[in-house]
Amino acid sequence: MEPREMPVAVFDSGLGGVSVLRELRKVMPNEDFFYFGDSLNAPYGTKSPEEVRALTIAHTKDFLAMGVKGVVIACNTATSAAVRKLRQMYPQVPLVGIEPAVKPAVEAYPKGRILVMATPVTIREEKLRHLIERYGGEAQVIPLACPGLMDFVEAGNIDSPEIYGFLRDLLYPYVGNVDGVVLGCTHYPFVRRAIEDILGPRTEIFDGGVGTAKEMKRRLAAADLLCKNTQKEGTIRFENSNKSQEKEALFYRLLKYDQKQHPTLQ
């Protein structure tokens, strides 16, 4: 297959990376995508960085062996643990990770209070600490570990009394006293509506999916790997290490999900 016609791999520990895939499709609608979710080994957010790094590298090797022209690590935890190593291993491959949108949040509220919601591993990793040190400035940036939150999305439970109760307990100390919330896990955009309802309209939500999609397009263009057929509608191939029909059905439901038009998904 001609390199420009190869798909772009999108990888996540489960189904959270669908939020990034949605942005990739908006930016590059004529590209083909291969989405792989490692739900069998999820959650990554409670594993050690070494475990996450090993899994991410192994999956990336598989993607390149099957024939992809670029890789999106659509998982904050995997990005923190492995993206630097992967770029050393494959310097010629357009490879993009995702990082918490600390910079745009601080730029919007330079002296404000910014809450960063992320998995325990992302909170512990040096990458987030360096982001805060680099872009924090005079803002007060508060990391908040959210163990268990991604499990609601993996179960398709994103607008229920249970998820609202979970988030109320988690966010109670911050209601009315944070200016921005950074969604530091690709699963979290699917519970954005609940977070907004709990924290109120004065708190702005930030996530890194749009920036990641634009960066992948830039890297593919720089490598002359963008699909030249602009009339073509891109395809999506889905695989999950869980190999259950339920995961595949939920993948397509999340891909088409619109919180404004369809606020309930269970």
Protein backbone atom coordinates (compact mmCIF):
# COMPACT_ATOMS: atom_id res chain seq x y z
CA MET A 1 0.00 0.00 0.00
CA GLU A 2 1.21 3.49 -0.86
CA PRO A 3 2.26 5.24 2.41
CA ARG A 4 -0.24 8.10 2.03
CA GLU A 5 -3.09 5.58 1.84
CA MET A 6 -2.15 3.86 5.10
CA PRO A 7 -4.34 4.44 8.17
CA VAL A 8 -3.45 6.41 11.28
CA ALA A 9 -3.45 4.33 14.47
CA VAL A 10 -5.22 5.76 17.50
CA PHE A 11 -4.44 4.03 20.78
CA ASP A 12 -5.98 4.23 24.23
CA SER A 13 -6.23 2.05 27.31
CA GLY A 14 -9.92 1.67 26.54
CA LEU A 15 -12.59 3.85 24.93
CA GLY A 16 -11.60 7.30 26.17
CA GLY A 17 -9.50 7.91 23.08
CA VAL A 18 -12.72 8.06 21.08
CA SER A 19 -12.91 11.70 22.22
CA VAL A 20 -9.60 12.31 20.39
CA LEU A 21 -10.68 10.26 17.37
CA ARG A 22 -13.71 12.50 17.04
CA GLU A 23 -11.42 15.55 16.79
CA LEU A 24 -9.10 13.77 14.35
CA ARG A 25 -12.03 13.04 12.05
CA LYS A 26 -13.07 16.71 12.11
CA VAL A 27 -9.57 17.85 11.17
CA MET A 28 -8.84 15.05 8.66
CA PRO A 29 -12.20 13.67 7.43
CA ASN A 30 -10.68 11.86 4.43
CA GLU A 31 -8.09 9.88 6.43
CA ASP A 32 -8.53 6.23 7.45
CA PHE A 33 -8.13 5.42 11.14
CA PHE A 34 -7.41 2.25 13.07
CA TYR A 35 -8.56 2.52 16.69
CA PHE A 36 -7.22 0.08 19.26
CA GLY A 37 -8.44 0.04 22.85
CA ASP A 38 -6.63 -2.05 25.44
CA SER A 39 -9.62 -2.60 27.73
CA LEU A 40 -8.29 -6.01 28.75
CA ASN A 41 -5.43 -4.28 30.59
CA ALA A 42 -7.39 -1.21 31.72
CA PRO A 43 -7.27 0.86 33.78
CA TYR A 44 -3.79 2.16 32.95
CA GLY A 45 -4.23 4.92 35.52
CA THR A 46 -3.63 2.59 38.45
CA LYS A 47 -0.64 0.72 36.93
CA SER A 48 3.01 1.62 37.44
CA PRO A 49 4.66 3.83 34.79
CA GLU A 50 6.89 0.89 33.86
CA GLU A 51 3.88 -1.35 33.17
CA VAL A 52 2.17 1.33 31.10
CA ARG A 53 5.36 2.01 29.14
CA ALA A 54 5.82 -1.66 28.30
CA LEU A 55 2.21 -2.07 27.13
CA THR A 56 2.28 1.11 25.03
CA ILE A 57 5.55 0.22 23.32
CA ALA A 58 4.35 -3.32 22.57
CA HIS A 59 1.11 -2.07 20.99
CA THR A 60 2.93 0.59 18.96
CA LYS A 61 5.25 -2.08 17.55
CA ASP A 62 2.18 -4.06 16.49
CA PHE A 63 0.62 -1.01 14.76
CA LEU A 64 3.76 -0.30 12.77
CA ALA A 65 4.12 -3.97 11.81
CA MET A 66 0.57 -4.04 10.44
CA GLY A 67 1.18 -0.90 8.36
CA VAL A 68 0.19 2.53 9.69
CA LYS A 69 1.63 5.91 8.72
CA GLY A 70 1.29 7.58 12.10
CA VAL A 71 0.37 6.85 15.70
CA VAL A 72 -1.74 8.90 18.10
CA ILE A 73 -1.32 7.94 21.75
CA ALA A 74 -4.79 9.11 22.78
CA CYS A 75 -4.22 8.41 26.46
CA ASN A 76 -2.68 10.87 28.91
CA THR A 77 -1.33 8.09 31.11
CA ALA A 78 0.35 6.28 28.20
CA THR A 79 1.70 9.56 26.81
CA SER A 80 3.28 10.44 30.14
CA ALA A 81 4.86 7.00 30.50
CA ALA A 82 5.98 6.20 26.97
CA VAL A 83 5.87 8.92 24.31
CA ARG A 84 9.43 10.17 24.88
CA LYS A 85 10.81 6.64 24.57
CA LEU A 86 8.72 5.92 21.47
CA ARG A 87 10.02 9.03 19.70
CA GLN A 88 13.57 7.85 20.39
CA MET A 89 12.73 4.42 18.99
CA TYR A 90 10.87 5.68 15.89
CA PRO A 91 12.16 9.17 15.02
CA GLN A 92 10.79 9.03 11.45
CA VAL A 93 7.23 8.11 12.43
CA PRO A 94 4.66 10.89 12.95
CA LEU A 95 3.83 10.11 16.55
CA VAL A 96 1.70 12.37 18.73
CA GLY A 97 0.68 12.05 22.35
CA ILE A 98 -1.80 14.03 24.35
CA GLU A 99 -1.16 16.19 27.36
CA PRO A 100 -3.38 18.04 29.83
CA ALA A 101 -4.34 21.46 28.45
CA VAL A 102 -2.58 23.37 31.25
CA LYS A 103 -1.15 26.02 28.94
CA PRO A 104 -4.44 27.24 27.40
CA ALA A 105 -6.15 27.13 30.81
CA VAL A 106 -3.47 29.29 32.42
CA GLU A 107 -3.43 31.64 29.42
CA ALA A 108 -7.17 32.12 29.88
CA TYR A 109 -6.87 32.63 33.67
CA PRO A 110 -3.27 33.78 34.35
CA LYS A 111 -3.90 34.51 38.04
CA GLY A 112 -6.74 32.10 38.55
CA ARG A 113 -7.28 28.69 40.13
CA ILE A 114 -7.00 25.80 37.68
CA LEU A 115 -8.04 22.25 38.60
CA VAL A 116 -6.35 19.42 36.66
CA MET A 117 -8.39 16.21 36.76
CA ALA A 118 -6.29 13.16 35.83
CA THR A 119 -5.56 9.53 36.62
CA PRO A 120 -3.28 8.75 39.57
CA VAL A 121 -0.41 7.77 37.23
CA THR A 122 -0.65 11.04 35.26
CA ILE A 123 -0.65 12.97 38.53
CA ARG A 124 2.50 11.16 39.68
CA GLU A 125 4.40 11.45 36.38
CA GLU A 126 7.06 14.12 35.88
CA LYS A 127 5.40 15.27 32.64
CA LEU A 128 2.48 16.91 34.44
CA ARG A 129 4.76 18.49 37.05
CA HIS A 130 6.91 19.93 34.28
CA LEU A 131 3.81 21.28 32.49
CA ILE A 132 2.71 23.03 35.66
CA GLU A 133 6.20 24.41 36.30
CA ARG A 134 6.52 25.60 32.69
CA TYR A 135 3.11 27.16 32.20
CA GLY A 136 1.73 27.66 35.70
CA GLY A 137 3.02 31.23 36.09
CA GLU A 138 1.05 33.04 38.76
CA ALA A 139 -1.94 30.74 38.49
CA GLN A 140 -2.71 28.22 41.22
CA VAL A 141 -2.75 24.86 39.44
CA ILE A 142 -4.26 22.06 41.54
CA PRO A 143 -3.76 18.42 40.44
CA LEU A 144 -6.66 16.14 41.37
CA ALA A 145 -6.35 12.37 41.07
CA CYS A 146 -9.61 10.76 39.94
CA PRO A 147 -9.29 7.00 40.49
CA GLY A 148 -12.32 5.15 39.13
CA LEU A 149 -13.70 7.93 36.95
CA MET A 150 -12.70 6.34 33.65
CA ASP A 151 -14.50 3.14 34.69
CA PHE A 152 -17.84 4.92 34.32
CA VAL A 153 -17.06 5.75 30.69
CA GLU A 154 -15.81 2.23 30.00
CA ALA A 155 -19.20 1.00 31.20
CA GLY A 156 -21.10 3.57 29.09
CA ASN A 157 -22.36 5.16 32.29
CA ILE A 158 -21.86 8.88 31.76
CA ASP A 159 -25.12 10.60 32.69
CA SER A 160 -26.55 8.63 35.60
CA PRO A 161 -27.22 9.35 39.29
CA GLU A 162 -24.14 7.23 40.08
CA ILE A 163 -21.72 9.33 38.01
CA TYR A 164 -23.22 12.55 39.35
CA GLY A 165 -22.84 11.28 42.90
CA PHE A 166 -19.24 10.22 42.26
CA LEU A 167 -18.35 13.61 40.77
CA ARG A 168 -20.15 15.60 43.47
CA ASP A 169 -18.08 13.87 46.14
CA LEU A 170 -14.90 14.38 44.14
CA LEU A 171 -15.49 18.02 43.18
CA TYR A 172 -17.30 19.29 46.28
CA PRO A 173 -14.24 21.20 47.66
CA TYR A 174 -13.88 23.09 44.37
CA VAL A 175 -17.46 24.18 43.64
CA GLY A 176 -17.51 27.93 43.17
CA ASN A 177 -13.78 28.46 43.68
CA VAL A 178 -11.99 27.34 40.49
CA ASP A 179 -11.85 29.27 37.22
CA GLY A 180 -10.94 26.41 34.92
CA VAL A 181 -10.87 22.62 34.85
CA VAL A 182 -8.39 20.72 32.69
CA LEU A 183 -9.62 17.29 31.61
CA GLY A 184 -6.38 15.32 31.92
CA CYS A 185 -7.73 11.98 30.67
CA THR A 186 -9.32 11.29 27.30
CA HIS A 187 -12.22 9.51 29.00
CA TYR A 188 -13.25 12.64 30.86
CA PRO A 189 -14.76 14.66 27.95
CA PHE A 190 -17.62 12.15 27.94
CA VAL A 191 -18.59 13.25 31.47
CA ARG A 192 -18.03 16.93 30.70
CA ARG A 193 -21.74 17.68 30.99
CA ALA A 194 -21.85 16.31 34.54
CA ILE A 195 -18.70 18.24 35.52
CA GLU A 196 -20.20 21.46 34.13
CA ASP A 197 -23.48 20.86 35.95
CA ILE A 198 -21.70 20.36 39.27
CA LEU A 199 -19.14 23.18 39.04
CA GLY A 200 -21.46 25.68 37.37
CA PRO A 201 -21.28 27.90 34.27
CA ARG A 202 -18.53 30.17 35.61
CA THR A 203 -15.96 27.35 35.42
CA GLU A 204 -14.45 26.82 31.97
CA ILE A 205 -13.52 23.32 30.78
CA PHE A 206 -10.34 22.59 28.80
CA ASP A 207 -9.20 19.39 27.07
CA GLY A 208 -6.32 18.61 24.73
CA GLY A 209 -8.05 16.62 22.00
CA VAL A 210 -8.31 19.44 19.46
CA GLY A 211 -4.64 20.36 19.80
CA THR A 212 -3.60 16.73 19.43
CA ALA A 213 -5.60 16.34 16.22
CA LYS A 214 -4.13 19.49 14.70
CA GLU A 215 -0.60 18.43 15.66
CA MET A 216 -1.02 15.03 13.98
CA LYS A 217 -2.21 16.72 10.80
CA ARG A 218 0.80 19.04 10.92
CA ARG A 219 3.23 16.14 11.35
CA LEU A 220 1.65 14.10 8.56
CA ALA A 221 1.81 17.13 6.25
CA ALA A 222 5.47 17.70 7.13
CA ALA A 223 6.20 14.08 6.20
CA ASP A 224 4.12 14.38 2.99
CA LEU A 225 1.82 11.62 4.24
CA LEU A 226 -1.58 13.28 4.09
CA CYS A 227 -4.11 11.51 1.88
CA LYS A 228 -4.33 13.38 -1.43
CA ASN A 229 -7.90 12.31 -2.21
CA THR A 230 -9.89 15.08 -0.51
CA GLN A 231 -13.17 13.72 -1.92
CA LYS A 232 -12.81 10.43 -0.09
CA GLU A 233 -14.65 9.73 3.17
CA GLY A 234 -12.27 8.14 5.64
CA THR A 235 -12.96 4.75 7.20
CA ILE A 236 -12.59 3.56 10.78
CA ARG A 237 -11.50 0.11 11.88
CA PHE A 238 -11.98 -0.82 15.54
CA GLU A 239 -10.25 -3.44 17.65
CA ASN A 240 -10.18 -4.00 21.38
CA SER A 241 -8.10 -6.43 23.42
CA ASN A 242 -11.31 -7.31 25.27
CA LYS A 243 -12.84 -8.56 21.99
CA SER A 244 -16.40 -8.22 23.26
CA GLN A 245 -19.33 -7.13 21.13
CA GLU A 246 -20.36 -4.81 23.96
CA LYS A 247 -17.11 -2.83 23.66
CA GLU A 248 -17.52 -2.47 19.91
CA ALA A 249 -21.12 -1.33 20.28
CA LEU A 250 -20.12 1.23 22.92
CA PHE A 251 -17.27 2.46 20.71
CA TYR A 252 -19.67 3.41 17.93
CA ARG A 253 -22.17 4.91 20.37
CA LEU A 254 -19.46 7.12 21.86
CA LEU A 255 -18.19 8.04 18.39
CA LYS A 256 -21.64 9.39 17.48
CA TYR A 257 -22.49 10.75 20.93
CA ASP A 258 -23.68 14.36 21.23
CA GLN A 259 -24.15 15.56 24.81
CA LYS A 260 -26.48 18.38 23.75
CA GLN A 261 -28.77 16.29 21.56
CA HIS A 262 -28.46 12.99 23.43
CA PRO A 263 -27.65 13.70 27.08
CA THR A 264 -28.16 10.12 28.22
CA LEU A 265 -25.93 7.18 27.31
CA GLN A 266 -26.20 4.06 29.45
